[in-house]
Amino acid sequence: MIKKNLVFLAQSDWTQNPTYVQEGDIPTIQGIEGIVANILNIIVPVVGIILLIMLIMGGFQYITSGGETEQTAKAKKTLTAALAGLLVVLGAWLIIKLIEKFTGLNLHEFKIPNP
């Protein structure tokens, strides 16, 4: 037996008005806004934590290498990768800020326009 009055939060604009969807509402592409916002709110802190862990690991490897060229090279490679990742993230942020400055668009708020 299928229940007819199921509630789907993805079908509503739950970020602005956390109410349940009434039966008969049609799902639209506007529900993707909340999904993308949630994904970005999860990814950004995770990337920061990964960067911090890589920097700590690379520093620890470098300190404990004891002058061995192989271990030192491995530590430098880890630190270089972490710093390259930091530069990519900062570069992306800078590009977004430049686009916002020149176009006047707000790129931090993911919003699909209504047709």
C-alpha atoms as a PDB file:
ATOM      1  CA  MET A   1       0.000   0.000   0.000  1.00  0.00           C
ATOM      2  CA  ILE A   2       1.435   3.379  -1.031  1.00  0.00           C
ATOM      3  CA  LYS A   3       0.989   6.317   1.275  1.00  0.00           C
ATOM      4  CA  LYS A   4      -0.247   9.308  -0.740  1.00  0.00           C
ATOM      5  CA  ASN A   5       0.627  12.188   1.560  1.00  0.00           C
ATOM      6  CA  LEU A   6       4.400  11.774   1.764  1.00  0.00           C
ATOM      7  CA  VAL A   7       6.439  14.831   2.666  1.00  0.00           C
ATOM      8  CA  PHE A   8       9.609  15.646   0.766  1.00  0.00           C
ATOM      9  CA  LEU A   9      11.726  18.532   2.023  1.00  0.00           C
ATOM     10  CA  ALA A  10      13.689  18.628  -1.244  1.00  0.00           C
ATOM     11  CA  GLN A  11      10.524  19.815  -2.975  1.00  0.00           C
ATOM     12  CA  SER A  12      10.183  22.917  -0.838  1.00  0.00           C
ATOM     13  CA  ASP A  13      12.217  26.029  -0.226  1.00  0.00           C
ATOM     14  CA  TRP A  14      13.096  24.728   3.225  1.00  0.00           C
ATOM     15  CA  THR A  15      16.117  27.024   3.593  1.00  0.00           C
ATOM     16  CA  GLN A  16      13.817  30.069   3.790  1.00  0.00           C
ATOM     17  CA  ASN A  17      10.600  28.574   5.105  1.00  0.00           C
ATOM     18  CA  PRO A  18      10.972  25.232   6.903  1.00  0.00           C
ATOM     19  CA  THR A  19       7.445  23.998   6.298  1.00  0.00           C
ATOM     20  CA  TYR A  20       6.275  20.725   4.903  1.00  0.00           C
ATOM     21  CA  VAL A  21       5.097  20.308   1.338  1.00  0.00           C
ATOM     22  CA  GLN A  22       1.420  19.782   0.835  1.00  0.00           C
ATOM     23  CA  GLU A  23       0.115  16.870  -1.173  1.00  0.00           C
ATOM     24  CA  GLY A  24      -0.069  17.671  -4.872  1.00  0.00           C
ATOM     25  CA  ASP A  25       2.957  20.005  -4.985  1.00  0.00           C
ATOM     26  CA  ILE A  26       5.126  19.491  -8.021  1.00  0.00           C
ATOM     27  CA  PRO A  27       8.881  19.081  -7.481  1.00  0.00           C
ATOM     28  CA  THR A  28      10.912  21.696  -9.326  1.00  0.00           C
ATOM     29  CA  ILE A  29      14.538  22.394 -10.018  1.00  0.00           C
ATOM     30  CA  GLN A  30      14.454  24.961  -7.196  1.00  0.00           C
ATOM     31  CA  GLY A  31      14.972  22.094  -4.727  1.00  0.00           C
ATOM     32  CA  ILE A  32      18.523  21.716  -6.036  1.00  0.00           C
ATOM     33  CA  GLU A  33      19.442  25.022  -4.343  1.00  0.00           C
ATOM     34  CA  GLY A  34      19.238  23.458  -0.904  1.00  0.00           C
ATOM     35  CA  ILE A  35      21.146  20.378  -2.001  1.00  0.00           C
ATOM     36  CA  VAL A  36      24.016  22.409  -3.485  1.00  0.00           C
ATOM     37  CA  ALA A  37      24.136  24.675  -0.421  1.00  0.00           C
ATOM     38  CA  ASN A  38      24.327  21.648   1.877  1.00  0.00           C
ATOM     39  CA  ILE A  39      27.077  20.033  -0.196  1.00  0.00           C
ATOM     40  CA  LEU A  40      29.142  23.235  -0.201  1.00  0.00           C
ATOM     41  CA  ASN A  41      28.616  23.698   3.533  1.00  0.00           C
ATOM     42  CA  ILE A  42      30.077  20.232   4.048  1.00  0.00           C
ATOM     43  CA  ILE A  43      32.908  20.342   1.486  1.00  0.00           C
ATOM     44  CA  VAL A  44      34.511  23.654   2.494  1.00  0.00           C
ATOM     45  CA  PRO A  45      35.255  22.705   6.134  1.00  0.00           C
ATOM     46  CA  VAL A  46      36.364  19.211   5.092  1.00  0.00           C
ATOM     47  CA  VAL A  47      38.889  20.701   2.644  1.00  0.00           C
ATOM     48  CA  GLY A  48      40.213  22.969   5.401  1.00  0.00           C
ATOM     49  CA  ILE A  49      40.603  20.046   7.794  1.00  0.00           C
ATOM     50  CA  ILE A  50      42.377  17.956   5.146  1.00  0.00           C
ATOM     51  CA  LEU A  51      44.749  20.844   4.434  1.00  0.00           C
ATOM     52  CA  LEU A  52      45.556  21.237   8.130  1.00  0.00           C
ATOM     53  CA  ILE A  53      46.159  17.494   8.521  1.00  0.00           C
ATOM     54  CA  MET A  54      48.450  17.435   5.469  1.00  0.00           C
ATOM     55  CA  LEU A  55      50.481  20.362   6.809  1.00  0.00           C
ATOM     56  CA  ILE A  56      50.834  18.712  10.216  1.00  0.00           C
ATOM     57  CA  MET A  57      51.777  15.357   8.650  1.00  0.00           C
ATOM     58  CA  GLY A  58      54.338  16.960   6.332  1.00  0.00           C
ATOM     59  CA  GLY A  59      55.869  18.953   9.180  1.00  0.00           C
ATOM     60  CA  PHE A  60      56.009  15.890  11.412  1.00  0.00           C
ATOM     61  CA  GLN A  61      57.606  13.830   8.626  1.00  0.00           C
ATOM     62  CA  TYR A  62      60.172  16.552   8.018  1.00  0.00           C
ATOM     63  CA  ILE A  63      61.074  16.857  11.704  1.00  0.00           C
ATOM     64  CA  THR A  64      61.370  13.094  12.201  1.00  0.00           C
ATOM     65  CA  SER A  65      63.234  12.419   8.935  1.00  0.00           C
ATOM     66  CA  GLY A  66      66.586  12.607  10.723  1.00  0.00           C
ATOM     67  CA  GLY A  67      68.342  13.942   7.640  1.00  0.00           C
ATOM     68  CA  GLU A  68      67.509  10.922   5.466  1.00  0.00           C
ATOM     69  CA  THR A  69      67.120  12.212   1.934  1.00  0.00           C
ATOM     70  CA  GLU A  70      64.304   9.807   1.078  1.00  0.00           C
ATOM     71  CA  GLN A  71      62.188  10.757   4.107  1.00  0.00           C
ATOM     72  CA  THR A  72      62.972  14.445   3.697  1.00  0.00           C
ATOM     73  CA  ALA A  73      61.902  14.313   0.043  1.00  0.00           C
ATOM     74  CA  LYS A  74      58.666  12.574   1.029  1.00  0.00           C
ATOM     75  CA  ALA A  75      57.964  15.246   3.647  1.00  0.00           C
ATOM     76  CA  LYS A  76      58.708  18.052   1.207  1.00  0.00           C
ATOM     77  CA  LYS A  77      56.390  16.446  -1.337  1.00  0.00           C
ATOM     78  CA  THR A  78      53.568  16.339   1.250  1.00  0.00           C
ATOM     79  CA  LEU A  79      54.145  19.961   2.246  1.00  0.00           C
ATOM     80  CA  THR A  80      54.306  21.032  -1.405  1.00  0.00           C
ATOM     81  CA  ALA A  81      51.014  19.280  -2.183  1.00  0.00           C
ATOM     82  CA  ALA A  82      49.334  20.900   0.838  1.00  0.00           C
ATOM     83  CA  LEU A  83      50.576  24.362  -0.117  1.00  0.00           C
ATOM     84  CA  ALA A  84      49.566  23.829  -3.760  1.00  0.00           C
ATOM     85  CA  GLY A  85      46.074  22.877  -2.576  1.00  0.00           C
ATOM     86  CA  LEU A  86      45.958  26.009  -0.441  1.00  0.00           C
ATOM     87  CA  LEU A  87      46.975  28.136  -3.428  1.00  0.00           C
ATOM     88  CA  VAL A  88      44.276  26.527  -5.599  1.00  0.00           C
ATOM     89  CA  VAL A  89      41.594  27.197  -2.980  1.00  0.00           C
ATOM     90  CA  LEU A  90      42.755  30.783  -2.441  1.00  0.00           C
ATOM     91  CA  GLY A  91      42.981  31.302  -6.211  1.00  0.00           C
ATOM     92  CA  ALA A  92      39.407  30.066  -6.685  1.00  0.00           C
ATOM     93  CA  TRP A  93      38.225  32.382  -3.929  1.00  0.00           C
ATOM     94  CA  LEU A  94      40.075  35.311  -5.532  1.00  0.00           C
ATOM     95  CA  ILE A  95      38.546  34.566  -8.952  1.00  0.00           C
ATOM     96  CA  ILE A  96      35.059  34.431  -7.423  1.00  0.00           C
ATOM     97  CA  LYS A  97      35.666  37.767  -5.672  1.00  0.00           C
ATOM     98  CA  LEU A  98      36.899  39.345  -8.918  1.00  0.00           C
ATOM     99  CA  ILE A  99      33.867  38.106 -10.847  1.00  0.00           C
ATOM    100  CA  GLU A 100      31.587  39.461  -8.106  1.00  0.00           C
ATOM    101  CA  LYS A 101      33.378  42.830  -8.169  1.00  0.00           C
ATOM    102  CA  PHE A 102      33.205  43.286 -11.943  1.00  0.00           C
ATOM    103  CA  THR A 103      29.729  41.877 -12.579  1.00  0.00           C
ATOM    104  CA  GLY A 104      27.940  42.781  -9.358  1.00  0.00           C
ATOM    105  CA  LEU A 105      26.619  39.224  -9.030  1.00  0.00           C
ATOM    106  CA  ASN A 106      26.431  37.482  -5.669  1.00  0.00           C
ATOM    107  CA  LEU A 107      28.117  34.128  -6.318  1.00  0.00           C
ATOM    108  CA  HIS A 108      28.092  33.054  -2.680  1.00  0.00           C
ATOM    109  CA  GLU A 109      24.352  32.524  -2.771  1.00  0.00           C
ATOM    110  CA  PHE A 110      23.320  29.676  -5.058  1.00  0.00           C
ATOM    111  CA  LYS A 111      19.923  30.653  -6.423  1.00  0.00           C
ATOM    112  CA  ILE A 112      18.210  29.328  -9.529  1.00  0.00           C
ATOM    113  CA  PRO A 113      16.114  32.122 -11.085  1.00  0.00           C
ATOM    114  CA  ASN A 114      12.424  31.541 -11.658  1.00  0.00           C
ATOM    115  CA  PRO A 115      11.458  31.499 -15.352  1.00  0.00           C
END
